[in-house]
Amino acid sequence: MTMNTDPDTPPPSDEIPAEESTPHTEAESTPKDFTKSVEDAFRTGAEDAKKAFEKAMPKAKEDFAKGVHDLAYALSYATAFGTELLKEITPENITDGFREGSDAGKRAADEVIRERKERAERRERETEAESGEGDAGPVMA
């Protein structure tokens, strides 16, 4: 074992504190400090946002409910007002228009259905006639 004769060097010890055994450089501590600062900033920001949200939420709910109420009121008012006004101004014209349009639509649908049935019956007769051509037909004596 060699003896240390340098007066600035402390005597050897079995128990060297961890901080002294590995000296920290500025380059090593900066990323750790930066990471801790970022974590603290996120934590603080999240806490502040949560407090602001909890404070603002009742007011937002109240404003939203009032907005929904006002929208429902406006729609109901416009519907009722428009309906009553139309009944007073042109009740017969509207009724006649609905009746005539409904009758015309029914007639058109009946015509389409009739034409399709006739076409289907015609095709059926043609198919029977084609399949019957190969037969000699009834024998006449």
Protein backbone atom coordinates (compact mmCIF):
# COMPACT_ATOMS: atom_id res chain seq x y z
CA MET A 1 0.00 0.00 0.00
CA THR A 2 1.34 3.40 -0.96
CA MET A 3 1.18 6.38 1.23
CA ASN A 4 -0.26 9.63 -0.05
CA THR A 5 2.04 12.51 0.73
CA ASP A 6 0.03 15.26 -0.96
CA PRO A 7 -1.39 17.55 1.75
CA ASP A 8 -4.43 18.59 -0.44
CA THR A 9 -5.58 15.02 -0.94
CA PRO A 10 -7.81 13.72 1.85
CA PRO A 11 -6.82 10.46 3.42
CA PRO A 12 -8.40 7.36 1.91
CA SER A 13 -11.69 6.36 3.44
CA ASP A 14 -13.93 3.37 3.05
CA GLU A 15 -17.02 5.59 3.26
CA ILE A 16 -17.01 8.18 0.51
CA PRO A 17 -20.35 9.97 0.04
CA ALA A 18 -22.01 9.27 -3.32
CA GLU A 19 -22.05 12.93 -4.30
CA GLU A 20 -18.32 13.22 -3.80
CA SER A 21 -17.52 9.94 -5.52
CA THR A 22 -19.04 11.05 -8.83
CA PRO A 23 -18.63 14.75 -9.43
CA HIS A 24 -21.57 16.41 -11.26
CA THR A 25 -20.85 18.45 -14.27
CA GLU A 26 -23.12 21.19 -15.54
CA ALA A 27 -23.89 19.14 -18.65
CA GLU A 28 -25.18 16.24 -16.53
CA SER A 29 -27.37 18.27 -14.19
CA THR A 30 -28.93 20.51 -16.87
CA PRO A 31 -31.10 17.83 -18.55
CA LYS A 32 -32.28 16.60 -15.15
CA ASP A 33 -33.13 20.12 -14.05
CA PHE A 34 -34.84 20.84 -17.36
CA THR A 35 -36.91 17.64 -17.14
CA LYS A 36 -37.94 18.47 -13.58
CA SER A 37 -38.87 22.02 -14.61
CA VAL A 38 -40.98 20.73 -17.49
CA GLU A 39 -42.72 18.18 -15.23
CA ASP A 40 -43.42 20.88 -12.64
CA ALA A 41 -44.78 23.21 -15.34
CA PHE A 42 -47.12 20.51 -16.69
CA ARG A 43 -48.28 19.60 -13.19
CA THR A 44 -48.91 23.24 -12.28
CA GLY A 45 -50.63 23.91 -15.61
CA ALA A 46 -52.88 20.86 -15.20
CA GLU A 47 -53.85 21.92 -11.68
CA ASP A 48 -54.60 25.47 -12.84
CA ALA A 49 -56.63 24.21 -15.81
CA LYS A 50 -58.63 21.88 -13.54
CA LYS A 51 -59.41 24.72 -11.13
CA ALA A 52 -60.44 27.03 -13.99
CA PHE A 53 -62.62 24.29 -15.51
CA GLU A 54 -64.34 23.56 -12.18
CA LYS A 55 -64.98 27.27 -11.71
CA ALA A 56 -66.28 27.84 -15.26
CA MET A 57 -68.30 24.62 -15.69
CA PRO A 58 -71.47 25.69 -13.81
CA LYS A 59 -71.62 28.92 -15.83
CA ALA A 60 -71.05 27.03 -19.10
CA LYS A 61 -73.82 24.56 -18.24
CA GLU A 62 -76.17 27.41 -17.41
CA ASP A 63 -75.37 29.25 -20.66
CA PHE A 64 -75.76 26.05 -22.70
CA ALA A 65 -79.14 25.27 -21.10
CA LYS A 66 -80.33 28.82 -21.80
CA GLY A 67 -79.17 28.53 -25.42
CA VAL A 68 -81.04 25.25 -25.89
CA HIS A 69 -84.16 26.77 -24.32
CA ASP A 70 -83.98 29.83 -26.58
CA LEU A 71 -83.51 27.67 -29.67
CA ALA A 72 -86.49 25.47 -28.75
CA TYR A 73 -88.58 28.57 -28.09
CA ALA A 74 -87.69 30.11 -31.45
CA LEU A 75 -88.45 26.91 -33.39
CA SER A 76 -91.78 26.42 -31.61
CA TYR A 77 -92.75 30.04 -32.09
CA ALA A 78 -91.89 30.02 -35.80
CA THR A 79 -93.77 26.76 -36.36
CA ALA A 80 -96.91 27.82 -34.50
CA PHE A 81 -96.92 31.33 -35.98
CA GLY A 82 -96.39 30.07 -39.52
CA THR A 83 -99.06 27.38 -39.21
CA GLU A 84 -101.68 29.73 -37.80
CA LEU A 85 -100.90 32.41 -40.36
CA LEU A 86 -101.18 29.92 -43.23
CA LYS A 87 -104.48 28.59 -41.90
CA GLU A 88 -105.90 32.12 -41.85
CA ILE A 89 -104.51 33.32 -45.17
CA THR A 90 -104.99 30.34 -47.48
CA PRO A 91 -106.71 27.40 -45.81
CA GLU A 92 -108.76 26.45 -48.90
CA ASN A 93 -105.87 26.81 -51.34
CA ILE A 94 -103.64 24.54 -49.28
CA THR A 95 -106.35 21.95 -48.76
CA ASP A 96 -107.21 21.95 -52.47
CA GLY A 97 -103.54 21.69 -53.41
CA PHE A 98 -102.98 18.69 -51.15
CA ARG A 99 -106.14 16.97 -52.40
CA GLU A 100 -105.41 17.57 -56.09
CA GLY A 101 -101.76 16.57 -55.77
CA SER A 102 -102.66 13.43 -53.86
CA ASP A 103 -105.30 12.44 -56.43
CA ALA A 104 -102.91 13.06 -59.36
CA GLY A 105 -100.17 10.99 -57.67
CA LYS A 106 -102.60 8.13 -57.03
CA ARG A 107 -103.79 8.16 -60.66
CA ALA A 108 -100.19 8.12 -61.92
CA ALA A 109 -99.28 5.23 -59.62
CA ASP A 110 -102.38 3.27 -60.69
CA GLU A 111 -101.44 3.81 -64.36
CA VAL A 112 -97.88 2.57 -63.80
CA ILE A 113 -99.15 -0.50 -61.94
CA ARG A 114 -101.73 -1.26 -64.66
CA GLU A 115 -99.09 -0.96 -67.42
CA ARG A 116 -96.68 -3.26 -65.58
CA LYS A 117 -99.40 -5.89 -65.06
CA GLU A 118 -100.36 -5.76 -68.75
CA ARG A 119 -96.70 -6.08 -69.79
CA ALA A 120 -96.20 -9.06 -67.46
CA GLU A 121 -99.34 -10.80 -68.80
CA ARG A 122 -98.22 -10.17 -72.40
CA ARG A 123 -94.77 -11.69 -71.72
CA GLU A 124 -96.37 -14.69 -70.05
CA ARG A 125 -98.60 -15.31 -73.10
CA GLU A 126 -95.60 -14.94 -75.45
CA THR A 127 -93.57 -17.41 -73.39
CA GLU A 128 -96.42 -19.94 -73.45
CA ALA A 129 -96.82 -19.49 -77.20
CA GLU A 130 -93.10 -20.04 -77.82
CA SER A 131 -92.99 -23.18 -75.71
CA GLY A 132 -96.13 -24.50 -77.42
CA GLU A 133 -94.73 -24.09 -80.99
CA GLY A 134 -92.72 -27.32 -80.73
CA ASP A 135 -95.89 -29.33 -80.11
CA ALA A 136 -97.98 -30.50 -82.99
CA GLY A 137 -101.04 -29.39 -81.18
CA PRO A 138 -104.32 -31.29 -81.02
CA VAL A 139 -104.81 -34.00 -83.60
CA MET A 140 -107.83 -33.46 -85.78
CA ALA A 141 -109.47 -36.37 -87.35
